[in-house]
């Protein structure tokens, strides 16, 4: 029996896209929204992006979602309401993963009080590469990395 090793290009194609999770509170999104939205759109064109949006409004439809749709006409932006319930959160995380796999930009809308827990659990489930938060600055607002996955150690 002969086993044939796949070509080098096949291995490169198997590496998954970088997954970035941006955790944004509604109040932070209102602080220089132009800067925040343009950065999110920039990230979404190069990487798989999940936005976890902390809002106490009951609707999953927010101006930020509409603005992202306008800025990313080649991407589907889907808002989904998620509460922090351990039994359902795994199912919700799997739905988010399916959306990311199809090139969709999911916006998970969750209560502000649950935003950190939802972000941590979904980012862990997805094995996200980094988590970003809005940092208010004198010049406006920017997305800063608050957590990043360490690259796998080299086996050589």
N, C-alpha and C. Protein backbone atom coordinates (compact mmCIF):
# COMPACT_ATOMS: atom_id res chain seq x y z
N UNK A 1 0.85 -1.17 0.00
CA UNK A 1 0.00 0.00 0.00
C UNK A 1 0.90 1.24 0.00
N UNK A 2 0.55 2.24 -0.81
CA UNK A 2 1.33 3.46 -0.93
C UNK A 2 0.51 4.62 -0.40
N UNK A 3 1.10 5.41 0.48
CA UNK A 3 0.46 6.63 0.97
C UNK A 3 1.15 7.82 0.33
N UNK A 4 0.37 8.69 -0.19
CA UNK A 4 0.93 9.86 -0.86
C UNK A 4 0.68 11.09 -0.01
N UNK A 5 1.72 11.84 0.26
CA UNK A 5 1.63 13.07 1.05
C UNK A 5 1.01 14.16 0.18
N UNK A 6 0.05 14.92 0.72
CA UNK A 6 -0.54 16.02 -0.06
C UNK A 6 0.52 17.06 -0.41
N UNK A 7 0.28 17.78 -1.47
CA UNK A 7 1.21 18.81 -1.90
C UNK A 7 1.23 19.95 -0.89
N UNK A 8 2.30 20.70 -0.88
CA UNK A 8 2.48 21.78 0.09
C UNK A 8 1.34 22.79 0.03
N UNK A 9 0.84 23.09 -1.13
CA UNK A 9 -0.25 24.04 -1.28
C UNK A 9 -1.52 23.60 -0.57
N UNK A 10 -1.73 22.28 -0.51
CA UNK A 10 -2.91 21.76 0.17
C UNK A 10 -2.86 22.09 1.66
N UNK A 11 -1.68 21.92 2.27
CA UNK A 11 -1.54 22.21 3.69
C UNK A 11 -1.81 23.68 3.98
N UNK A 12 -1.30 24.56 3.11
CA UNK A 12 -1.53 25.99 3.30
C UNK A 12 -3.01 26.33 3.21
N UNK A 13 -3.72 25.66 2.32
CA UNK A 13 -5.15 25.91 2.16
C UNK A 13 -5.96 25.44 3.36
N UNK A 14 -5.41 24.52 4.15
CA UNK A 14 -6.13 23.98 5.30
C UNK A 14 -6.06 24.86 6.54
N UNK A 15 -5.15 25.82 6.54
CA UNK A 15 -5.07 26.70 7.70
C UNK A 15 -6.30 27.59 7.73
N UNK A 16 -6.89 27.72 8.90
CA UNK A 16 -8.12 28.50 9.00
C UNK A 16 -7.80 29.98 9.02
N UNK A 17 -8.78 30.76 8.68
CA UNK A 17 -8.61 32.21 8.68
C UNK A 17 -8.45 32.69 10.11
N UNK A 18 -7.81 33.82 10.25
CA UNK A 18 -7.69 34.45 11.56
C UNK A 18 -9.09 34.86 12.02
N UNK A 19 -9.42 34.51 13.26
CA UNK A 19 -10.72 34.88 13.82
C UNK A 19 -10.50 35.98 14.86
N UNK A 20 -11.13 37.11 14.63
CA UNK A 20 -11.05 38.23 15.56
C UNK A 20 -12.42 38.47 16.16
N UNK A 21 -12.45 38.64 17.47
CA UNK A 21 -13.68 38.95 18.19
C UNK A 21 -13.54 40.38 18.70
N UNK A 22 -14.50 41.23 18.36
CA UNK A 22 -14.52 42.61 18.85
C UNK A 22 -15.68 42.75 19.82
N UNK A 23 -15.36 43.03 21.09
CA UNK A 23 -16.38 43.22 22.12
C UNK A 23 -16.60 44.71 22.30
N UNK A 24 -17.83 45.15 22.03
CA UNK A 24 -18.12 46.58 22.02
C UNK A 24 -19.40 46.85 22.80
N UNK A 25 -19.30 47.73 23.78
CA UNK A 25 -20.51 48.18 24.50
C UNK A 25 -21.18 49.27 23.69
N UNK A 26 -22.49 49.36 23.82
CA UNK A 26 -23.24 50.35 23.07
C UNK A 26 -22.72 51.77 23.34
N UNK A 27 -22.39 52.07 24.58
CA UNK A 27 -21.86 53.39 24.92
C UNK A 27 -20.52 53.67 24.26
N UNK A 28 -19.69 52.63 24.14
CA UNK A 28 -18.39 52.80 23.47
C UNK A 28 -18.56 52.97 21.97
N UNK A 29 -19.56 52.31 21.41
CA UNK A 29 -19.80 52.43 19.96
C UNK A 29 -20.25 53.84 19.61
N UNK A 30 -20.90 54.51 20.55
CA UNK A 30 -21.36 55.87 20.31
C UNK A 30 -20.22 56.89 20.43
N UNK A 31 -19.09 56.47 21.01
CA UNK A 31 -17.94 57.35 21.18
C UNK A 31 -17.12 57.28 19.90
N UNK A 32 -17.24 58.24 19.05
CA UNK A 32 -16.57 58.29 17.74
C UNK A 32 -16.89 57.04 16.91
N UNK A 33 -18.16 56.85 16.57
CA UNK A 33 -18.55 55.64 15.84
C UNK A 33 -17.87 55.50 14.49
N UNK A 34 -17.56 56.62 13.84
CA UNK A 34 -16.89 56.56 12.54
C UNK A 34 -15.56 55.81 12.64
N UNK A 35 -14.79 56.08 13.69
CA UNK A 35 -13.49 55.43 13.86
C UNK A 35 -13.66 53.94 14.15
N UNK A 36 -14.61 53.61 15.01
CA UNK A 36 -14.83 52.22 15.39
C UNK A 36 -15.34 51.41 14.19
N UNK A 37 -16.33 51.94 13.49
CA UNK A 37 -16.91 51.21 12.36
C UNK A 37 -15.94 51.06 11.20
N UNK A 38 -15.14 52.08 10.94
CA UNK A 38 -14.18 51.93 9.84
C UNK A 38 -13.14 50.88 10.16
N UNK A 39 -12.72 50.79 11.43
CA UNK A 39 -11.76 49.76 11.83
C UNK A 39 -12.39 48.37 11.75
N UNK A 40 -13.64 48.23 12.18
CA UNK A 40 -14.32 46.93 12.08
C UNK A 40 -14.43 46.49 10.62
N UNK A 41 -14.80 47.42 9.75
CA UNK A 41 -14.92 47.09 8.33
C UNK A 41 -13.57 46.69 7.75
N UNK A 42 -12.51 47.35 8.17
CA UNK A 42 -11.16 47.01 7.71
C UNK A 42 -10.78 45.60 8.13
N UNK A 43 -11.08 45.26 9.37
CA UNK A 43 -10.76 43.92 9.88
C UNK A 43 -11.56 42.87 9.13
N UNK A 44 -12.85 43.14 8.89
CA UNK A 44 -13.73 42.16 8.25
C UNK A 44 -13.31 41.85 6.81
N UNK A 45 -12.61 42.75 6.17
CA UNK A 45 -12.18 42.48 4.79
C UNK A 45 -10.98 41.53 4.75
N UNK A 46 -10.23 41.44 5.86
CA UNK A 46 -9.03 40.61 5.89
C UNK A 46 -9.16 39.35 6.74
N UNK A 47 -10.08 39.33 7.68
CA UNK A 47 -10.18 38.25 8.66
C UNK A 47 -11.64 37.88 8.89
N UNK A 48 -11.84 36.76 9.56
CA UNK A 48 -13.18 36.41 10.03
C UNK A 48 -13.44 37.26 11.27
N UNK A 49 -14.53 38.00 11.27
CA UNK A 49 -14.84 38.93 12.36
C UNK A 49 -16.16 38.57 13.02
N UNK A 50 -16.13 38.52 14.35
CA UNK A 50 -17.33 38.40 15.16
C UNK A 50 -17.39 39.64 16.04
N UNK A 51 -18.53 40.31 16.05
CA UNK A 51 -18.74 41.45 16.92
C UNK A 51 -19.68 41.01 18.03
N UNK A 52 -19.26 41.18 19.28
CA UNK A 52 -20.15 40.96 20.42
C UNK A 52 -20.53 42.36 20.90
N UNK A 53 -21.81 42.69 20.78
CA UNK A 53 -22.30 44.03 21.04
C UNK A 53 -23.13 44.03 22.31
N UNK A 54 -22.64 44.71 23.33
CA UNK A 54 -23.34 44.79 24.61
C UNK A 54 -24.35 45.92 24.59
N UNK A 55 -25.63 45.55 24.66
CA UNK A 55 -26.70 46.54 24.62
C UNK A 55 -27.87 46.04 25.45
N UNK A 56 -28.49 46.96 26.18
CA UNK A 56 -29.65 46.57 26.98
C UNK A 56 -30.96 46.76 26.23
N UNK A 57 -30.90 47.22 24.99
CA UNK A 57 -32.11 47.32 24.16
C UNK A 57 -32.59 45.92 23.83
N UNK A 58 -33.86 45.73 23.74
CA UNK A 58 -34.40 44.40 23.49
C UNK A 58 -34.24 43.94 22.05
N UNK A 59 -34.08 44.85 21.14
CA UNK A 59 -33.97 44.50 19.73
C UNK A 59 -32.52 44.19 19.37
N UNK A 60 -32.34 43.30 18.41
CA UNK A 60 -30.99 43.00 17.92
C UNK A 60 -30.61 43.95 16.79
N UNK A 61 -31.54 44.78 16.35
CA UNK A 61 -31.28 45.71 15.25
C UNK A 61 -30.83 47.05 15.82
N UNK A 62 -29.62 47.41 15.53
CA UNK A 62 -29.03 48.66 16.01
C UNK A 62 -28.42 49.40 14.84
N UNK A 63 -28.17 50.67 15.05
CA UNK A 63 -27.55 51.49 14.00
C UNK A 63 -26.19 50.93 13.61
N UNK A 64 -25.47 50.36 14.58
CA UNK A 64 -24.15 49.81 14.27
C UNK A 64 -24.25 48.67 13.25
N UNK A 65 -25.25 47.84 13.38
CA UNK A 65 -25.44 46.73 12.44
C UNK A 65 -25.74 47.28 11.05
N UNK A 66 -26.62 48.26 10.98
CA UNK A 66 -26.96 48.87 9.69
C UNK A 66 -25.73 49.54 9.07
N UNK A 67 -24.94 50.23 9.89
CA UNK A 67 -23.73 50.88 9.38
C UNK A 67 -22.72 49.85 8.87
N UNK A 68 -22.57 48.74 9.58
CA UNK A 68 -21.66 47.69 9.11
C UNK A 68 -22.14 47.12 7.77
N UNK A 69 -23.44 46.94 7.63
CA UNK A 69 -23.97 46.44 6.36
C UNK A 69 -23.64 47.39 5.21
N UNK A 70 -23.73 48.70 5.47
CA UNK A 70 -23.40 49.69 4.43
C UNK A 70 -21.91 49.66 4.09
N UNK A 71 -21.07 49.48 5.10
CA UNK A 71 -19.63 49.50 4.89
C UNK A 71 -19.08 48.20 4.30
N UNK A 72 -19.85 47.12 4.45
CA UNK A 72 -19.41 45.81 3.96
C UNK A 72 -20.43 45.25 2.98
N UNK A 73 -20.58 45.88 1.81
CA UNK A 73 -21.61 45.43 0.88
C UNK A 73 -21.38 44.02 0.33
N UNK A 74 -20.16 43.53 0.38
CA UNK A 74 -19.87 42.18 -0.13
C UNK A 74 -19.97 41.11 0.95
N UNK A 75 -20.27 41.53 2.17
CA UNK A 75 -20.44 40.60 3.28
C UNK A 75 -21.88 40.64 3.75
N UNK A 76 -22.33 39.51 4.21
CA UNK A 76 -23.62 39.48 4.88
C UNK A 76 -23.35 39.74 6.36
N UNK A 77 -24.06 40.69 6.94
CA UNK A 77 -23.94 41.01 8.36
C UNK A 77 -25.23 40.57 9.02
N UNK A 78 -25.11 39.65 9.98
CA UNK A 78 -26.28 39.07 10.63
C UNK A 78 -26.24 39.36 12.11
N UNK A 79 -27.31 39.97 12.61
CA UNK A 79 -27.44 40.23 14.05
C UNK A 79 -28.22 39.10 14.69
N UNK A 80 -27.75 38.66 15.85
CA UNK A 80 -28.48 37.63 16.59
C UNK A 80 -28.44 37.95 18.08
N UNK A 81 -29.57 37.83 18.71
CA UNK A 81 -29.70 38.12 20.14
C UNK A 81 -29.26 36.89 20.92
N UNK A 82 -28.36 37.08 21.89
CA UNK A 82 -27.86 35.97 22.71
C UNK A 82 -27.88 36.41 24.17
N UNK A 83 -28.46 35.58 25.01
CA UNK A 83 -28.39 35.81 26.45
C UNK A 83 -27.38 34.83 27.03
N UNK A 84 -26.86 35.14 28.19
CA UNK A 84 -25.86 34.27 28.81
C UNK A 84 -26.56 33.15 29.56
N UNK A 85 -26.86 32.08 28.83
CA UNK A 85 -27.44 30.88 29.42
C UNK A 85 -26.55 29.73 29.00
N UNK A 86 -25.94 29.08 29.98
CA UNK A 86 -24.94 28.06 29.67
C UNK A 86 -25.46 26.96 28.75
N UNK A 87 -26.68 26.53 28.93
CA UNK A 87 -27.21 25.46 28.09
C UNK A 87 -27.36 25.87 26.64
N UNK A 88 -27.76 27.12 26.41
CA UNK A 88 -28.00 27.60 25.05
C UNK A 88 -26.77 28.24 24.42
N UNK A 89 -25.82 28.66 25.23
CA UNK A 89 -24.68 29.39 24.70
C UNK A 89 -23.83 28.52 23.78
N UNK A 90 -23.72 27.24 24.07
CA UNK A 90 -22.97 26.33 23.21
C UNK A 90 -23.62 26.24 21.82
N UNK A 91 -24.93 26.15 21.81
CA UNK A 91 -25.66 26.11 20.53
C UNK A 91 -25.48 27.44 19.78
N UNK A 92 -25.56 28.55 20.51
CA UNK A 92 -25.37 29.86 19.89
C UNK A 92 -23.96 30.00 19.33
N UNK A 93 -22.96 29.51 20.05
CA UNK A 93 -21.57 29.56 19.58
C UNK A 93 -21.40 28.73 18.31
N UNK A 94 -22.06 27.59 18.25
CA UNK A 94 -21.99 26.75 17.04
C UNK A 94 -22.64 27.47 15.86
N UNK A 95 -23.72 28.19 16.10
CA UNK A 95 -24.37 28.97 15.04
C UNK A 95 -23.43 30.06 14.55
N UNK A 96 -22.77 30.74 15.48
CA UNK A 96 -21.80 31.78 15.11
C UNK A 96 -20.68 31.17 14.26
N UNK A 97 -20.21 29.99 14.65
CA UNK A 97 -19.14 29.34 13.89
C UNK A 97 -19.60 29.03 12.46
N UNK A 98 -20.82 28.57 12.31
CA UNK A 98 -21.35 28.29 10.97
C UNK A 98 -21.44 29.57 10.14
N UNK A 99 -21.86 30.65 10.76
CA UNK A 99 -21.93 31.93 10.05
C UNK A 99 -20.55 32.38 9.60
N UNK A 100 -19.56 32.27 10.49
CA UNK A 100 -18.19 32.65 10.13
C UNK A 100 -17.67 31.78 8.98
N UNK A 101 -17.99 30.49 9.02
CA UNK A 101 -17.52 29.57 7.97
C UNK A 101 -18.07 29.93 6.59
N UNK A 102 -19.22 30.60 6.55
CA UNK A 102 -19.81 31.00 5.26
C UNK A 102 -19.39 32.40 4.85
N UNK A 103 -18.53 33.05 5.64
CA UNK A 103 -18.06 34.39 5.30
C UNK A 103 -18.95 35.51 5.82
N UNK A 104 -19.92 35.16 6.65
CA UNK A 104 -20.83 36.13 7.23
C UNK A 104 -20.16 36.82 8.41
N UNK A 105 -20.53 38.07 8.66
CA UNK A 105 -20.06 38.80 9.84
C UNK A 105 -21.20 38.76 10.86
N UNK A 106 -21.09 37.90 11.89
CA UNK A 106 -22.15 37.86 12.90
C UNK A 106 -21.96 38.97 13.93
N UNK A 107 -23.07 39.57 14.33
CA UNK A 107 -23.07 40.55 15.42
C UNK A 107 -23.95 39.96 16.51
N UNK A 108 -23.32 39.50 17.58
CA UNK A 108 -24.03 38.90 18.71
C UNK A 108 -24.41 40.05 19.64
N UNK A 109 -25.71 40.26 19.81
CA UNK A 109 -26.21 41.31 20.68
C UNK A 109 -26.59 40.66 22.00
N UNK A 110 -26.00 41.16 23.08
CA UNK A 110 -26.21 40.57 24.39
C UNK A 110 -26.31 41.69 25.43
N UNK A 111 -26.95 41.44 26.56
CA UNK A 111 -27.01 42.49 27.59
C UNK A 111 -25.59 42.91 28.02
N UNK A 112 -25.44 44.18 28.36
CA UNK A 112 -24.13 44.70 28.76
C UNK A 112 -23.57 43.89 29.93
N UNK A 113 -24.42 43.50 30.87
CA UNK A 113 -23.94 42.76 32.05
C UNK A 113 -23.38 41.38 31.68
N UNK A 114 -23.78 40.83 30.55
CA UNK A 114 -23.32 39.49 30.14
C UNK A 114 -22.26 39.55 29.05
N UNK A 115 -21.93 40.74 28.57
CA UNK A 115 -21.06 40.86 27.41
C UNK A 115 -19.70 40.18 27.61
N UNK A 116 -19.07 40.36 28.75
CA UNK A 116 -17.75 39.76 28.97
C UNK A 116 -17.81 38.24 29.00
N UNK A 117 -18.82 37.69 29.67
CA UNK A 117 -18.95 36.23 29.74
C UNK A 117 -19.27 35.64 28.37
N UNK A 118 -20.18 36.28 27.64
CA UNK A 118 -20.53 35.78 26.30
C UNK A 118 -19.31 35.86 25.39
N UNK A 119 -18.59 36.97 25.45
CA UNK A 119 -17.38 37.13 24.62
C UNK A 119 -16.37 36.04 24.94
N UNK A 120 -16.10 35.82 26.21
CA UNK A 120 -15.10 34.83 26.62
C UNK A 120 -15.50 33.42 26.18
N UNK A 121 -16.75 33.06 26.39
CA UNK A 121 -17.18 31.70 26.07
C UNK A 121 -17.22 31.44 24.56
N UNK A 122 -17.73 32.41 23.80
CA UNK A 122 -17.78 32.20 22.34
C UNK A 122 -16.38 32.26 21.75
N UNK A 123 -15.53 33.18 22.22
CA UNK A 123 -14.15 33.26 21.72
C UNK A 123 -13.40 31.96 22.02
N UNK A 124 -13.64 31.39 23.19
CA UNK A 124 -13.00 30.12 23.55
C UNK A 124 -13.51 28.99 22.65
N UNK A 125 -14.81 28.94 22.43
CA UNK A 125 -15.40 27.91 21.57
C UNK A 125 -14.82 27.99 20.16
N UNK A 126 -14.70 29.22 19.64
CA UNK A 126 -14.20 29.43 18.28
C UNK A 126 -12.68 29.29 18.17
N UNK A 127 -12.01 29.23 19.32
CA UNK A 127 -10.54 29.28 19.35
C UNK A 127 -10.05 30.53 18.61
N UNK A 128 -10.66 31.66 18.99
CA UNK A 128 -10.35 32.94 18.35
C UNK A 128 -8.88 33.28 18.53
N UNK A 129 -8.36 34.02 17.57
CA UNK A 129 -6.96 34.41 17.61
C UNK A 129 -6.72 35.65 18.45
N UNK A 130 -7.74 36.52 18.54
CA UNK A 130 -7.59 37.71 19.37
C UNK A 130 -8.95 38.29 19.71
N UNK A 131 -8.96 39.05 20.79
CA UNK A 131 -10.16 39.76 21.23
C UNK A 131 -9.79 41.23 21.34
N UNK A 132 -10.65 42.07 20.78
CA UNK A 132 -10.43 43.51 20.78
C UNK A 132 -11.52 44.20 21.59
N UNK A 133 -11.18 45.35 22.17
CA UNK A 133 -12.13 46.22 22.88
C UNK A 133 -11.91 47.64 22.43
N UNK A 134 -12.93 48.49 22.62
CA UNK A 134 -12.81 49.90 22.29
C UNK A 134 -12.06 50.60 23.41
N UNK A 135 -11.07 51.38 23.01
CA UNK A 135 -10.33 52.20 23.96
C UNK A 135 -10.60 53.65 23.60
N UNK A 136 -11.13 54.40 24.56
CA UNK A 136 -11.37 55.82 24.34
C UNK A 136 -10.05 56.56 24.48
N UNK A 137 -9.77 57.40 23.50
CA UNK A 137 -8.53 58.19 23.52
C UNK A 137 -8.87 59.66 23.34
N UNK A 138 -7.88 60.52 23.52
CA UNK A 138 -8.10 61.94 23.30
C UNK A 138 -8.44 62.23 21.84
N UNK A 139 -7.89 61.42 20.94
CA UNK A 139 -8.14 61.61 19.51
C UNK A 139 -9.46 60.98 19.07
N UNK A 140 -10.08 60.18 19.90
CA UNK A 140 -11.33 59.52 19.52
C UNK A 140 -11.47 58.17 20.18
N UNK A 141 -11.52 57.15 19.36
CA UNK A 141 -11.67 55.78 19.86
C UNK A 141 -10.93 54.85 18.92
N UNK A 142 -10.37 53.80 19.49
CA UNK A 142 -9.70 52.80 18.65
C UNK A 142 -9.92 51.42 19.24
N UNK A 143 -9.78 50.42 18.40
CA UNK A 143 -9.89 49.04 18.85
C UNK A 143 -8.51 48.56 19.26
N UNK A 144 -8.41 48.05 20.47
CA UNK A 144 -7.14 47.55 20.98
C UNK A 144 -7.28 46.10 21.38
N UNK A 145 -6.23 45.35 21.16
CA UNK A 145 -6.22 43.94 21.53
C UNK A 145 -6.11 43.81 23.04
N UNK A 146 -7.02 43.02 23.63
CA UNK A 146 -6.97 42.76 25.07
C UNK A 146 -6.60 41.32 25.35
N UNK A 147 -6.65 40.49 24.32
CA UNK A 147 -6.27 39.08 24.48
C UNK A 147 -5.84 38.55 23.12
N UNK A 148 -4.81 37.73 23.12
CA UNK A 148 -4.36 37.11 21.88
C UNK A 148 -3.90 35.69 22.13
N UNK A 149 -4.15 34.82 21.18
CA UNK A 149 -3.72 33.43 21.27
C UNK A 149 -2.24 33.36 20.97
N UNK A 150 -1.51 32.67 21.79
CA UNK A 150 -0.08 32.48 21.51
C UNK A 150 0.07 31.52 20.36
N UNK A 151 0.98 31.82 19.45
CA UNK A 151 1.21 30.88 18.35
C UNK A 151 1.71 29.54 18.87
N UNK A 152 1.37 28.50 18.16
CA UNK A 152 1.82 27.15 18.56
C UNK A 152 3.34 27.08 18.50
N UNK A 153 3.95 26.43 19.47
CA UNK A 153 5.41 26.30 19.44
C UNK A 153 5.88 25.48 18.24
N UNK A 154 7.01 25.85 17.73
CA UNK A 154 7.58 25.14 16.58
C UNK A 154 8.09 23.78 17.02
N UNK A 155 7.86 22.77 16.19
CA UNK A 155 8.29 21.41 16.52
C UNK A 155 9.67 21.10 15.93
N UNK A 156 10.30 22.07 15.32
CA UNK A 156 11.60 21.80 14.70
C UNK A 156 12.74 21.90 15.67
